[in-house]
Amino acid sequence: MEIKNFRAVHDKDYIFELIEEGEHEQQDFKFAISDSRKIARSIAAFANNRGGRLLVGVKDNGNIAGIRSEEEFYMIEQAAEMYCKPAQRVEQTVYCIEGKYVLKVDIAPSKARPVYAQDDSRNWQIYYRVADENIQTPEFFARIWRAQRRRGEMVAFSDMESRLLAFVAEKETATPDEIAKAVHASKVAVEDTIVRLCSMQLLRPVHTSGAWQFECETPE
């Protein structure tokens, strides 16, 4: 296959080194791009975390299949600009590896989280990269991220915060529903409190046991 409109980089050692890392929090393999909406979820998930890269034309087992056409380049571009909200900018580089072409897509971390992408019903959702998966996150994570950008603000420390922190510290990790039941408060009130405690760097979200939970921050 000839990628007519792109100048390919010939650096197979570099690509083999990346593939050797496997899929992880900042890297994902894609055999092919066939749906801009779906690939937008990967872009959004990386942008909401620390950024990352896609290696397109690489199978899950690390074997190089090569991209099939230039259309995949344009579908990535469409995913970033049309199916991410706000639109994202990505950097794409084509590598020629033993006669096959691998497309490396670099995604920068967003300075204005959250970045949304559409689910299968075309509803806008927040996605976040966890290990080698793109995980959908609760909407109130947007409030957590906004609050974290206002860390300098003074926040009153209440009995609710004390009871919530004591419960989470004892349990190590807890979901908002578990916290609400333990402290005898509504889920809305608990989410409001979690947002405040995350902004104070006393709590942080973690994805464990298939669910978003919260744990106490440990001083560095």
N, C-alpha and C. Protein backbone atom coordinates (compact mmCIF):
# COMPACT_ATOMS: atom_id res chain seq x y z
N MET A 1 0.84 -1.20 0.00
CA MET A 1 0.00 0.00 0.00
C MET A 1 0.87 1.25 0.00
N GLU A 2 0.54 2.21 -0.79
CA GLU A 2 1.29 3.46 -0.86
C GLU A 2 0.50 4.57 -0.15
N ILE A 3 1.12 5.18 0.84
CA ILE A 3 0.53 6.33 1.51
C ILE A 3 1.04 7.56 0.76
N LYS A 4 0.30 7.97 -0.24
CA LYS A 4 0.80 8.93 -1.23
C LYS A 4 1.05 10.31 -0.66
N ASN A 5 0.20 10.76 0.25
CA ASN A 5 0.25 12.16 0.66
C ASN A 5 1.06 12.41 1.93
N PHE A 6 1.72 11.39 2.45
CA PHE A 6 2.45 11.56 3.70
C PHE A 6 3.87 11.06 3.56
N ARG A 7 4.79 11.78 4.14
CA ARG A 7 6.19 11.36 4.16
C ARG A 7 6.39 10.48 5.39
N ALA A 8 6.74 9.25 5.19
CA ALA A 8 6.87 8.30 6.30
C ALA A 8 8.27 8.38 6.92
N VAL A 9 8.32 8.19 8.22
CA VAL A 9 9.58 8.12 8.96
C VAL A 9 10.03 6.66 9.00
N HIS A 10 11.30 6.43 8.70
CA HIS A 10 11.84 5.06 8.73
C HIS A 10 12.64 4.90 10.02
N ASP A 11 11.96 4.44 11.06
CA ASP A 11 12.61 4.25 12.36
C ASP A 11 11.93 3.07 13.05
N LYS A 12 12.21 1.86 12.55
CA LYS A 12 11.52 0.69 13.07
C LYS A 12 11.92 0.39 14.52
N ASP A 13 13.17 0.71 14.89
CA ASP A 13 13.60 0.43 16.26
C ASP A 13 12.75 1.19 17.27
N TYR A 14 12.46 2.45 16.95
CA TYR A 14 11.65 3.26 17.85
C TYR A 14 10.25 2.67 18.02
N ILE A 15 9.60 2.30 16.91
CA ILE A 15 8.26 1.73 16.98
C ILE A 15 8.27 0.39 17.70
N PHE A 16 9.29 -0.44 17.45
CA PHE A 16 9.38 -1.73 18.15
C PHE A 16 9.54 -1.52 19.65
N GLU A 17 10.28 -0.48 20.04
CA GLU A 17 10.44 -0.17 21.47
C GLU A 17 9.10 0.20 22.09
N LEU A 18 8.31 1.01 21.37
CA LEU A 18 6.98 1.38 21.88
C LEU A 18 6.08 0.16 21.99
N ILE A 19 6.09 -0.68 20.97
CA ILE A 19 5.24 -1.87 20.99
C ILE A 19 5.64 -2.80 22.13
N GLU A 20 6.94 -2.87 22.42
CA GLU A 20 7.42 -3.72 23.50
C GLU A 20 6.83 -3.31 24.85
N GLU A 21 6.49 -2.03 25.00
CA GLU A 21 5.88 -1.55 26.24
C GLU A 21 4.49 -2.14 26.46
N GLY A 22 3.83 -2.54 25.36
CA GLY A 22 2.46 -3.02 25.46
C GLY A 22 1.48 -1.87 25.65
N GLU A 23 0.23 -2.22 25.86
CA GLU A 23 -0.78 -1.21 26.13
C GLU A 23 -0.74 -0.84 27.61
N HIS A 24 -0.86 0.44 27.88
CA HIS A 24 -0.82 0.90 29.27
C HIS A 24 -1.56 2.23 29.36
N GLU A 25 -1.38 2.92 30.49
CA GLU A 25 -2.16 4.13 30.73
C GLU A 25 -1.95 5.20 29.67
N GLN A 26 -0.78 5.20 29.04
CA GLN A 26 -0.48 6.24 28.06
C GLN A 26 -0.23 5.69 26.66
N GLN A 27 -0.67 4.46 26.42
CA GLN A 27 -0.50 3.88 25.08
C GLN A 27 -1.59 2.86 24.79
N ASP A 28 -2.11 2.92 23.55
CA ASP A 28 -3.15 1.99 23.12
C ASP A 28 -2.86 1.57 21.69
N PHE A 29 -3.07 0.28 21.40
CA PHE A 29 -2.92 -0.24 20.04
C PHE A 29 -4.28 -0.26 19.36
N LYS A 30 -4.32 0.12 18.09
CA LYS A 30 -5.54 0.06 17.29
C LYS A 30 -5.23 -0.66 15.97
N PHE A 31 -5.90 -1.77 15.74
CA PHE A 31 -5.70 -2.50 14.49
C PHE A 31 -6.12 -1.64 13.30
N ALA A 32 -7.25 -0.94 13.44
CA ALA A 32 -7.75 -0.09 12.36
C ALA A 32 -8.70 0.95 12.94
N ILE A 33 -8.90 2.03 12.22
CA ILE A 33 -9.85 3.06 12.60
C ILE A 33 -11.03 2.98 11.64
N SER A 34 -12.21 2.68 12.17
CA SER A 34 -13.40 2.55 11.33
C SER A 34 -14.56 3.41 11.80
N ASP A 35 -14.39 4.07 12.98
CA ASP A 35 -15.49 4.86 13.55
C ASP A 35 -14.89 6.05 14.30
N SER A 36 -15.09 7.24 13.77
CA SER A 36 -14.51 8.44 14.39
C SER A 36 -15.07 8.69 15.78
N ARG A 37 -16.36 8.40 15.96
CA ARG A 37 -16.96 8.63 17.27
C ARG A 37 -16.31 7.76 18.34
N LYS A 38 -16.05 6.49 18.00
CA LYS A 38 -15.45 5.59 18.99
C LYS A 38 -14.01 5.97 19.31
N ILE A 39 -13.25 6.34 18.29
CA ILE A 39 -11.86 6.70 18.56
C ILE A 39 -11.77 8.01 19.34
N ALA A 40 -12.81 8.83 19.23
CA ALA A 40 -12.85 10.07 20.01
C ALA A 40 -12.83 9.78 21.51
N ARG A 41 -13.39 8.64 21.91
CA ARG A 41 -13.39 8.27 23.34
C ARG A 41 -11.97 8.05 23.83
N SER A 42 -11.14 7.43 23.00
CA SER A 42 -9.74 7.23 23.37
C SER A 42 -9.02 8.56 23.48
N ILE A 43 -9.27 9.44 22.54
CA ILE A 43 -8.62 10.76 22.57
C ILE A 43 -9.04 11.52 23.82
N ALA A 44 -10.34 11.52 24.12
CA ALA A 44 -10.84 12.21 25.31
C ALA A 44 -10.27 11.60 26.59
N ALA A 45 -10.22 10.26 26.64
CA ALA A 45 -9.71 9.58 27.84
C ALA A 45 -8.26 9.95 28.12
N PHE A 46 -7.42 9.96 27.07
CA PHE A 46 -6.03 10.37 27.25
C PHE A 46 -5.93 11.84 27.64
N ALA A 47 -6.73 12.68 26.99
CA ALA A 47 -6.68 14.12 27.26
C ALA A 47 -7.10 14.43 28.69
N ASN A 48 -8.03 13.65 29.25
CA ASN A 48 -8.48 13.88 30.62
C ASN A 48 -7.50 13.36 31.65
N ASN A 49 -6.56 12.52 31.23
CA ASN A 49 -5.52 12.03 32.13
C ASN A 49 -4.22 12.76 31.81
N ARG A 50 -3.15 12.04 31.61
CA ARG A 50 -1.84 12.68 31.39
C ARG A 50 -1.42 12.69 29.93
N GLY A 51 -2.40 12.50 29.03
CA GLY A 51 -2.06 12.41 27.62
C GLY A 51 -1.64 10.99 27.27
N GLY A 52 -1.31 10.76 26.01
CA GLY A 52 -0.88 9.42 25.60
C GLY A 52 -0.76 9.33 24.10
N ARG A 53 -0.70 8.10 23.60
CA ARG A 53 -0.55 7.91 22.15
C ARG A 53 -1.30 6.66 21.71
N LEU A 54 -1.75 6.71 20.47
CA LEU A 54 -2.32 5.57 19.78
C LEU A 54 -1.32 5.08 18.75
N LEU A 55 -1.18 3.77 18.62
CA LEU A 55 -0.42 3.17 17.54
C LEU A 55 -1.42 2.46 16.65
N VAL A 56 -1.73 3.06 15.51
CA VAL A 56 -2.74 2.53 14.59
C VAL A 56 -2.06 1.66 13.55
N GLY A 57 -2.65 0.48 13.32
CA GLY A 57 -2.04 -0.50 12.44
C GLY A 57 -1.29 -1.55 13.22
N VAL A 58 -1.53 -1.58 14.55
CA VAL A 58 -0.89 -2.55 15.44
C VAL A 58 -1.98 -3.36 16.14
N LYS A 59 -1.88 -4.68 16.07
CA LYS A 59 -2.86 -5.55 16.70
C LYS A 59 -2.66 -5.58 18.21
N ASP A 60 -3.67 -6.09 18.93
CA ASP A 60 -3.59 -6.16 20.38
C ASP A 60 -2.40 -6.96 20.87
N ASN A 61 -1.97 -7.94 20.07
CA ASN A 61 -0.82 -8.77 20.46
C ASN A 61 0.52 -8.14 20.09
N GLY A 62 0.48 -6.94 19.52
CA GLY A 62 1.70 -6.23 19.18
C GLY A 62 2.20 -6.46 17.76
N ASN A 63 1.55 -7.35 17.03
CA ASN A 63 1.95 -7.58 15.64
C ASN A 63 1.54 -6.39 14.76
N ILE A 64 2.42 -6.04 13.83
CA ILE A 64 2.14 -4.91 12.94
C ILE A 64 1.33 -5.38 11.74
N ALA A 65 0.14 -4.85 11.60
CA ALA A 65 -0.72 -5.15 10.45
C ALA A 65 -0.61 -4.06 9.40
N GLY A 66 -0.35 -2.83 9.86
CA GLY A 66 -0.28 -1.68 8.96
C GLY A 66 -1.64 -1.05 8.75
N ILE A 67 -1.64 0.26 8.58
CA ILE A 67 -2.90 0.94 8.28
C ILE A 67 -3.31 0.64 6.85
N ARG A 68 -4.62 0.71 6.61
CA ARG A 68 -5.14 0.26 5.33
C ARG A 68 -5.23 1.36 4.28
N SER A 69 -5.45 2.60 4.73
CA SER A 69 -5.60 3.70 3.78
C SER A 69 -5.36 5.03 4.47
N GLU A 70 -5.20 6.07 3.67
CA GLU A 70 -5.04 7.41 4.20
C GLU A 70 -6.28 7.88 4.95
N GLU A 71 -7.41 7.24 4.71
CA GLU A 71 -8.67 7.64 5.34
C GLU A 71 -8.57 7.57 6.86
N GLU A 72 -7.75 6.66 7.37
CA GLU A 72 -7.63 6.53 8.82
C GLU A 72 -7.03 7.79 9.43
N PHE A 73 -6.10 8.41 8.72
CA PHE A 73 -5.53 9.68 9.17
C PHE A 73 -6.64 10.73 9.33
N TYR A 74 -7.49 10.83 8.34
CA TYR A 74 -8.54 11.85 8.36
C TYR A 74 -9.63 11.53 9.38
N MET A 75 -9.86 10.24 9.64
CA MET A 75 -10.85 9.87 10.66
C MET A 75 -10.37 10.24 12.05
N ILE A 76 -9.06 10.12 12.30
CA ILE A 76 -8.49 10.57 13.57
C ILE A 76 -8.69 12.07 13.73
N GLU A 77 -8.38 12.79 12.67
CA GLU A 77 -8.54 14.24 12.68
C GLU A 77 -9.99 14.63 12.96
N GLN A 78 -10.92 13.94 12.32
CA GLN A 78 -12.34 14.19 12.52
C GLN A 78 -12.75 13.87 13.95
N ALA A 79 -12.23 12.77 14.48
CA ALA A 79 -12.56 12.39 15.86
C ALA A 79 -12.15 13.48 16.84
N ALA A 80 -10.94 14.01 16.66
CA ALA A 80 -10.42 15.03 17.58
C ALA A 80 -11.16 16.35 17.46
N GLU A 81 -11.50 16.73 16.24
CA GLU A 81 -12.06 18.06 16.01
C GLU A 81 -13.58 18.11 16.08
N MET A 82 -14.25 17.02 15.69
CA MET A 82 -15.71 17.03 15.61
C MET A 82 -16.39 16.25 16.73
N TYR A 83 -15.72 15.19 17.23
CA TYR A 83 -16.37 14.30 18.18
C TYR A 83 -15.75 14.33 19.56
N CYS A 84 -14.89 15.32 19.81
CA CYS A 84 -14.43 15.63 21.16
C CYS A 84 -14.93 17.04 21.49
N LYS A 85 -15.36 17.23 22.71
CA LYS A 85 -15.87 18.54 23.13
C LYS A 85 -15.22 18.91 24.46
N PRO A 86 -14.38 19.97 24.48
CA PRO A 86 -13.99 20.81 23.36
C PRO A 86 -13.09 20.05 22.37
N ALA A 87 -12.98 20.60 21.17
CA ALA A 87 -12.16 19.97 20.13
C ALA A 87 -10.71 19.86 20.62
N GLN A 88 -10.06 18.76 20.23
CA GLN A 88 -8.68 18.52 20.62
C GLN A 88 -7.77 18.56 19.39
N ARG A 89 -6.51 18.88 19.62
CA ARG A 89 -5.51 18.84 18.56
C ARG A 89 -4.60 17.65 18.83
N VAL A 90 -4.37 16.84 17.81
CA VAL A 90 -3.49 15.69 17.94
C VAL A 90 -2.37 15.79 16.91
N GLU A 91 -1.28 15.12 17.19
CA GLU A 91 -0.14 15.10 16.27
C GLU A 91 -0.01 13.70 15.68
N GLN A 92 -0.03 13.60 14.36
CA GLN A 92 0.03 12.30 13.70
C GLN A 92 1.32 12.15 12.90
N THR A 93 1.95 11.00 13.05
CA THR A 93 3.19 10.71 12.34
C THR A 93 3.09 9.31 11.73
N VAL A 94 3.42 9.18 10.46
CA VAL A 94 3.41 7.89 9.78
C VAL A 94 4.82 7.30 9.79
N TYR A 95 4.91 6.02 10.20
CA TYR A 95 6.19 5.30 10.22
C TYR A 95 6.11 4.13 9.25
N CYS A 96 7.15 3.93 8.46
CA CYS A 96 7.23 2.78 7.56
C CYS A 96 8.07 1.70 8.24
N ILE A 97 7.44 0.56 8.49
CA ILE A 97 8.11 -0.54 9.19
C ILE A 97 8.07 -1.77 8.29
N GLU A 98 9.16 -2.06 7.66
CA GLU A 98 9.29 -3.25 6.80
C GLU A 98 8.15 -3.35 5.78
N GLY A 99 7.89 -2.23 5.13
CA GLY A 99 6.88 -2.19 4.08
C GLY A 99 5.46 -1.96 4.55
N LYS A 100 5.25 -1.88 5.87
CA LYS A 100 3.92 -1.59 6.41
C LYS A 100 3.96 -0.24 7.12
N TYR A 101 2.80 0.39 7.23
CA TYR A 101 2.74 1.73 7.79
C TYR A 101 2.00 1.73 9.13
N VAL A 102 2.64 2.34 10.12
CA VAL A 102 2.05 2.52 11.45
C VAL A 102 1.83 4.01 11.66
N LEU A 103 0.63 4.36 12.12
CA LEU A 103 0.29 5.75 12.40
C LEU A 103 0.38 5.98 13.90
N LYS A 104 1.28 6.86 14.32
CA LYS A 104 1.40 7.22 15.74
C LYS A 104 0.64 8.53 15.97
N VAL A 105 -0.28 8.48 16.90
CA VAL A 105 -1.13 9.63 17.21
C VAL A 105 -0.83 10.08 18.64
N ASP A 106 -0.28 11.26 18.79
CA ASP A 106 0.05 11.79 20.12
C ASP A 106 -1.05 12.73 20.59
N ILE A 107 -1.53 12.48 21.81
CA ILE A 107 -2.61 13.27 22.41
C ILE A 107 -2.06 13.95 23.65
N ALA A 108 -2.17 15.26 23.71
CA ALA A 108 -1.67 16.02 24.86
C ALA A 108 -2.71 16.03 25.97
N PRO A 109 -2.28 16.15 27.24
CA PRO A 109 -3.26 16.31 28.32
C PRO A 109 -3.99 17.63 28.16
N SER A 110 -5.28 17.63 28.44
CA SER A 110 -6.07 18.84 28.29
C SER A 110 -5.81 19.80 29.45
N LYS A 111 -5.74 21.08 29.13
CA LYS A 111 -5.59 22.10 30.16
C LYS A 111 -6.94 22.54 30.69
N ALA A 112 -8.01 22.04 30.09
CA ALA A 112 -9.36 22.45 30.49
C ALA A 112 -10.26 21.22 30.57
N ARG A 113 -9.92 20.30 31.48
CA ARG A 113 -10.79 19.14 31.67
C ARG A 113 -12.16 19.58 32.19
N PRO A 114 -13.24 18.85 31.86
CA PRO A 114 -13.23 17.58 31.15
C PRO A 114 -13.36 17.73 29.64
N VAL A 115 -12.85 16.72 28.93
CA VAL A 115 -13.09 16.58 27.49
C VAL A 115 -14.15 15.49 27.33
N TYR A 116 -15.19 15.79 26.58
CA TYR A 116 -16.31 14.86 26.38
C TYR A 116 -16.19 14.15 25.04
N ALA A 117 -16.75 12.94 24.97
CA ALA A 117 -16.93 12.21 23.71
C ALA A 117 -18.29 11.52 23.78
N GLN A 118 -18.77 11.04 22.63
CA GLN A 118 -20.11 10.47 22.59
C GLN A 118 -20.09 8.98 22.85
N ASP A 119 -21.12 8.51 23.62
CA ASP A 119 -21.28 7.07 23.83
C ASP A 119 -22.07 6.48 22.66
N ASP A 120 -22.46 5.21 22.76
CA ASP A 120 -23.14 4.54 21.65
C ASP A 120 -24.49 5.16 21.33
N SER A 121 -25.08 5.86 22.32
CA SER A 121 -26.36 6.54 22.09
C SER A 121 -26.17 7.99 21.68
N ARG A 122 -24.92 8.37 21.45
CA ARG A 122 -24.54 9.72 21.04
C ARG A 122 -24.80 10.77 22.12
N ASN A 123 -24.78 10.33 23.36
CA ASN A 123 -24.81 11.25 24.49
C ASN A 123 -23.37 11.60 24.86
N TRP A 124 -23.15 12.86 25.23
CA TRP A 124 -21.80 13.31 25.56
C TRP A 124 -21.44 12.82 26.96
N GLN A 125 -20.30 12.12 27.08
CA GLN A 125 -19.85 11.54 28.34
C GLN A 125 -18.38 11.89 28.58
N ILE A 126 -17.98 11.75 29.84
CA ILE A 126 -16.58 11.96 30.20
C ILE A 126 -15.89 10.60 30.24
N TYR A 127 -14.73 10.50 29.59
CA TYR A 127 -13.93 9.27 29.62
C TYR A 127 -12.55 9.58 30.20
N TYR A 128 -11.98 8.57 30.87
CA TYR A 128 -10.69 8.75 31.55
C TYR A 128 -9.87 7.49 31.35
N ARG A 129 -8.59 7.63 31.09
CA ARG A 129 -7.73 6.48 30.85
C ARG A 129 -7.29 5.88 32.18
N VAL A 130 -7.60 4.60 32.38
CA VAL A 130 -7.21 3.87 33.58
C VAL A 130 -6.52 2.59 33.13
N ALA A 131 -5.24 2.43 33.46
CA ALA A 131 -4.44 1.29 33.00
C ALA A 131 -4.54 1.23 31.47
N ASP A 132 -5.10 0.15 30.92
CA ASP A 132 -5.20 0.05 29.45
C ASP A 132 -6.64 0.16 28.98
N GLU A 133 -7.49 0.86 29.76
CA GLU A 133 -8.90 0.99 29.41
C GLU A 133 -9.34 2.45 29.41
N ASN A 134 -10.37 2.74 28.62
CA ASN A 134 -11.02 4.05 28.64
C ASN A 134 -12.30 3.89 29.47
N ILE A 135 -12.34 4.53 30.63
CA ILE A 135 -13.42 4.33 31.59
C ILE A 135 -14.33 5.55 31.60
N GLN A 136 -15.63 5.32 31.52
CA GLN A 136 -16.59 6.41 31.64
C GLN A 136 -16.64 6.88 33.10
N THR A 137 -16.69 8.18 33.30
CA THR A 137 -16.66 8.72 34.65
C THR A 137 -17.96 9.46 34.96
N PRO A 138 -18.29 9.58 36.25
CA PRO A 138 -19.50 10.34 36.63
C PRO A 138 -19.38 11.80 36.23
N GLU A 139 -20.50 12.42 35.97
CA GLU A 139 -20.52 13.82 35.56
C GLU A 139 -19.94 14.73 36.63
N PHE A 140 -20.10 14.36 37.90
CA PHE A 140 -19.62 15.29 38.94
C PHE A 140 -18.09 15.34 39.01
N PHE A 141 -17.38 14.47 38.23
CA PHE A 141 -15.93 14.62 38.12
C PHE A 141 -15.56 15.97 37.51
N ALA A 142 -16.43 16.49 36.66
CA ALA A 142 -16.18 17.81 36.08
C ALA A 142 -16.09 18.86 37.19
N ARG A 143 -16.95 18.71 38.18
CA ARG A 143 -16.92 19.65 39.31
C ARG A 143 -15.65 19.47 40.13
N ILE A 144 -15.19 18.21 40.27
CA ILE A 144 -13.95 17.96 41.01
C ILE A 144 -12.77 18.65 40.32
N TRP A 145 -12.68 18.50 39.00
CA TRP A 145 -11.57 19.10 38.27
C TRP A 145 -11.62 20.62 38.33
N ARG A 146 -12.83 21.18 38.23
CA ARG A 146 -12.94 22.65 38.34
C ARG A 146 -12.52 23.11 39.72
N ALA A 147 -12.93 22.36 40.76
CA ALA A 147 -12.58 22.74 42.13
C ALA A 147 -11.08 22.63 42.36
N GLN A 148 -10.44 21.62 41.74
CA GLN A 148 -9.00 21.47 41.91
C GLN A 148 -8.22 22.62 41.30
N ARG A 149 -8.83 23.31 40.33
CA ARG A 149 -8.16 24.48 39.75
C ARG A 149 -8.31 25.71 40.65
N ARG A 150 -9.14 25.56 41.70
CA ARG A 150 -9.33 26.68 42.62
C ARG A 150 -8.79 26.33 44.00
N ARG A 151 -7.66 25.63 44.03
CA ARG A 151 -7.14 25.10 45.30
C ARG A 151 -6.79 26.18 46.32
N GLY A 152 -6.58 27.40 45.87
CA GLY A 152 -6.22 28.46 46.79
C GLY A 152 -7.36 28.98 47.62
N GLU A 153 -8.59 28.59 47.31
CA GLU A 153 -9.74 29.11 48.02
C GLU A 153 -9.85 28.49 49.41
N MET A 154 -10.33 29.26 50.37
CA MET A 154 -10.57 28.77 51.72
C MET A 154 -11.88 27.99 51.72
N VAL A 155 -11.87 26.81 52.34
CA VAL A 155 -13.07 25.98 52.42
C VAL A 155 -13.30 25.62 53.87
N ALA A 156 -14.50 25.90 54.38
CA ALA A 156 -14.83 25.59 55.77
C ALA A 156 -14.83 24.07 55.96
N PHE A 157 -14.27 23.62 57.09
CA PHE A 157 -14.20 22.19 57.39
C PHE A 157 -15.32 21.87 58.37
N SER A 158 -16.24 21.01 57.96
CA SER A 158 -17.45 20.75 58.75
C SER A 158 -17.44 19.35 59.35
N ASP A 159 -18.47 19.10 60.18
CA ASP A 159 -18.64 17.78 60.76
C ASP A 159 -18.83 16.73 59.66
N MET A 160 -19.50 17.11 58.57
CA MET A 160 -19.73 16.20 57.46
C MET A 160 -18.40 15.73 56.86
N GLU A 161 -17.48 16.67 56.62
CA GLU A 161 -16.16 16.31 56.10
C GLU A 161 -15.44 15.36 57.05
N SER A 162 -15.52 15.64 58.35
CA SER A 162 -14.83 14.81 59.34
C SER A 162 -15.34 13.38 59.32
N ARG A 163 -16.66 13.23 59.32
CA ARG A 163 -17.25 11.88 59.33
C ARG A 163 -16.95 11.14 58.03
N LEU A 164 -17.01 11.86 56.93
CA LEU A 164 -16.74 11.23 55.63
C LEU A 164 -15.28 10.76 55.56
N LEU A 165 -14.36 11.60 55.97
CA LEU A 165 -12.95 11.23 55.91
C LEU A 165 -12.64 10.06 56.85
N ALA A 166 -13.25 10.06 58.02
CA ALA A 166 -13.02 8.97 58.97
C ALA A 166 -13.50 7.64 58.38
N PHE A 167 -14.66 7.66 57.71
CA PHE A 167 -15.19 6.44 57.11
C PHE A 167 -14.29 5.94 55.99
N VAL A 168 -13.88 6.85 55.11
CA VAL A 168 -13.04 6.45 53.98
C VAL A 168 -11.68 5.95 54.48
N ALA A 169 -11.12 6.60 55.48
CA ALA A 169 -9.83 6.18 56.01
C ALA A 169 -9.91 4.77 56.59
N GLU A 170 -11.00 4.48 57.27
CA GLU A 170 -11.17 3.15 57.88
C GLU A 170 -11.39 2.08 56.81
N LYS A 171 -12.19 2.42 55.78
CA LYS A 171 -12.52 1.45 54.74
C LYS A 171 -11.45 1.37 53.64
N GLU A 172 -10.60 2.38 53.58
CA GLU A 172 -9.52 2.53 52.58
C GLU A 172 -10.03 3.07 51.25
N THR A 173 -11.05 2.46 50.66
CA THR A 173 -11.71 3.03 49.48
C THR A 173 -13.21 2.84 49.62
N ALA A 174 -13.98 3.80 49.07
CA ALA A 174 -15.44 3.71 49.19
C ALA A 174 -16.09 4.44 48.02
N THR A 175 -17.24 3.93 47.60
CA THR A 175 -18.01 4.59 46.55
C THR A 175 -18.87 5.68 47.17
N PRO A 176 -19.34 6.64 46.37
CA PRO A 176 -20.25 7.66 46.92
C PRO A 176 -21.50 7.06 47.57
N ASP A 177 -22.03 5.98 47.00
CA ASP A 177 -23.22 5.36 47.60
C ASP A 177 -22.90 4.77 48.97
N GLU A 178 -21.74 4.13 49.10
CA GLU A 178 -21.34 3.57 50.40
C GLU A 178 -21.14 4.68 51.42
N ILE A 179 -20.54 5.77 50.98
CA ILE A 179 -20.31 6.90 51.88
C ILE A 179 -21.64 7.49 52.35
N ALA A 180 -22.55 7.68 51.40
CA ALA A 180 -23.85 8.27 51.74
C ALA A 180 -24.57 7.43 52.79
N LYS A 181 -24.52 6.11 52.64
CA LYS A 181 -25.18 5.22 53.60
C LYS A 181 -24.50 5.30 54.97
N ALA A 182 -23.17 5.37 54.98
CA ALA A 182 -22.43 5.37 56.25
C ALA A 182 -22.61 6.66 57.04
N VAL A 183 -22.67 7.79 56.34
CA VAL A 183 -22.75 9.08 57.05
C VAL A 183 -24.18 9.61 57.13
N HIS A 184 -25.13 8.80 56.61
CA HIS A 184 -26.56 9.15 56.68
C HIS A 184 -26.83 10.51 56.01
N ALA A 185 -26.39 10.60 54.76
CA ALA A 185 -26.58 11.84 54.01
C ALA A 185 -27.04 11.49 52.60
N SER A 186 -27.61 12.46 51.93
CA SER A 186 -28.05 12.24 50.55
C SER A 186 -26.84 12.13 49.63
N LYS A 187 -27.04 11.49 48.49
CA LYS A 187 -25.94 11.35 47.53
C LYS A 187 -25.50 12.73 47.03
N VAL A 188 -26.44 13.64 46.87
CA VAL A 188 -26.10 15.00 46.42
C VAL A 188 -25.18 15.67 47.42
N ALA A 189 -25.54 15.56 48.72
CA ALA A 189 -24.72 16.18 49.77
C ALA A 189 -23.33 15.54 49.83
N VAL A 190 -23.28 14.22 49.65
CA VAL A 190 -21.99 13.52 49.67
C VAL A 190 -21.13 13.94 48.49
N GLU A 191 -21.72 14.04 47.30
CA GLU A 191 -20.95 14.46 46.14
C GLU A 191 -20.42 15.88 46.33
N ASP A 192 -21.24 16.78 46.89
CA ASP A 192 -20.77 18.14 47.17
C ASP A 192 -19.57 18.12 48.11
N THR A 193 -19.64 17.26 49.13
CA THR A 193 -18.55 17.16 50.10
C THR A 193 -17.30 16.56 49.48
N ILE A 194 -17.48 15.54 48.65
CA ILE A 194 -16.34 14.93 47.96
C ILE A 194 -15.62 15.96 47.09
N VAL A 195 -16.40 16.78 46.38
CA VAL A 195 -15.80 17.81 45.54
C VAL A 195 -14.94 18.75 46.39
N ARG A 196 -15.46 19.17 47.54
CA ARG A 196 -14.70 20.08 48.41
C ARG A 196 -13.42 19.41 48.92
N LEU A 197 -13.54 18.14 49.34
CA LEU A 197 -12.37 17.45 49.89
C LEU A 197 -11.32 17.16 48.83
N CYS A 198 -11.75 16.90 47.62
CA CYS A 198 -10.78 16.72 46.53
C CYS A 198 -10.06 18.03 46.24
N SER A 199 -10.78 19.15 46.32
CA SER A 199 -10.16 20.45 46.07
C SER A 199 -9.14 20.78 47.16
N MET A 200 -9.34 20.21 48.36
CA MET A 200 -8.41 20.42 49.47
C MET A 200 -7.29 19.37 49.48
N GLN A 201 -7.30 18.48 48.47
CA GLN A 201 -6.31 17.40 48.35
C GLN A 201 -6.34 16.45 49.55
N LEU A 202 -7.54 16.22 50.07
CA LEU A 202 -7.73 15.27 51.16
C LEU A 202 -8.32 13.96 50.66
N LEU A 203 -8.99 13.99 49.52
CA LEU A 203 -9.52 12.80 48.86
C LEU A 203 -9.07 12.79 47.41
N ARG A 204 -9.06 11.58 46.83
CA ARG A 204 -8.80 11.48 45.39
C ARG A 204 -9.58 10.29 44.84
N PRO A 205 -10.00 10.37 43.58
CA PRO A 205 -10.73 9.26 42.96
C PRO A 205 -9.77 8.17 42.48
N VAL A 206 -10.22 6.93 42.59
CA VAL A 206 -9.48 5.79 42.05
C VAL A 206 -10.50 4.85 41.41
N HIS A 207 -10.08 4.15 40.37
CA HIS A 207 -10.97 3.16 39.74
C HIS A 207 -10.48 1.79 40.15
N THR A 208 -11.27 1.10 40.96
CA THR A 208 -10.87 -0.20 41.47
C THR A 208 -12.09 -1.08 41.62
N SER A 209 -11.90 -2.38 41.45
CA SER A 209 -13.01 -3.35 41.55
C SER A 209 -14.15 -2.99 40.61
N GLY A 210 -13.82 -2.42 39.46
CA GLY A 210 -14.82 -2.12 38.45
C GLY A 210 -15.68 -0.91 38.73
N ALA A 211 -15.27 -0.06 39.69
CA ALA A 211 -16.09 1.11 40.04
C ALA A 211 -15.20 2.27 40.45
N TRP A 212 -15.75 3.48 40.29
CA TRP A 212 -15.05 4.67 40.79
C TRP A 212 -15.26 4.76 42.30
N GLN A 213 -14.17 4.86 43.03
CA GLN A 213 -14.21 4.99 44.47
C GLN A 213 -13.31 6.14 44.89
N PHE A 214 -13.30 6.42 46.18
CA PHE A 214 -12.46 7.50 46.69
C PHE A 214 -11.62 6.99 47.84
N GLU A 215 -10.39 7.51 47.90
CA GLU A 215 -9.48 7.17 48.99
C GLU A 215 -8.86 8.45 49.53
N CYS A 216 -8.31 8.35 50.72
CA CYS A 216 -7.67 9.52 51.34
C CYS A 216 -6.34 9.78 50.65
N GLU A 217 -6.05 11.04 50.43
CA GLU A 217 -4.75 11.42 49.87
C GLU A 217 -3.67 11.17 50.91
N THR A 218 -2.50 10.70 50.46
CA THR A 218 -1.37 10.53 51.35
C THR A 218 -0.36 11.63 51.06
N PRO A 219 0.15 12.29 52.10
CA PRO A 219 1.12 13.38 51.88
C PRO A 219 2.35 12.88 51.15
N GLU A 220 2.86 13.69 50.24
CA GLU A 220 4.06 13.32 49.49
C GLU A 220 5.31 13.57 50.34
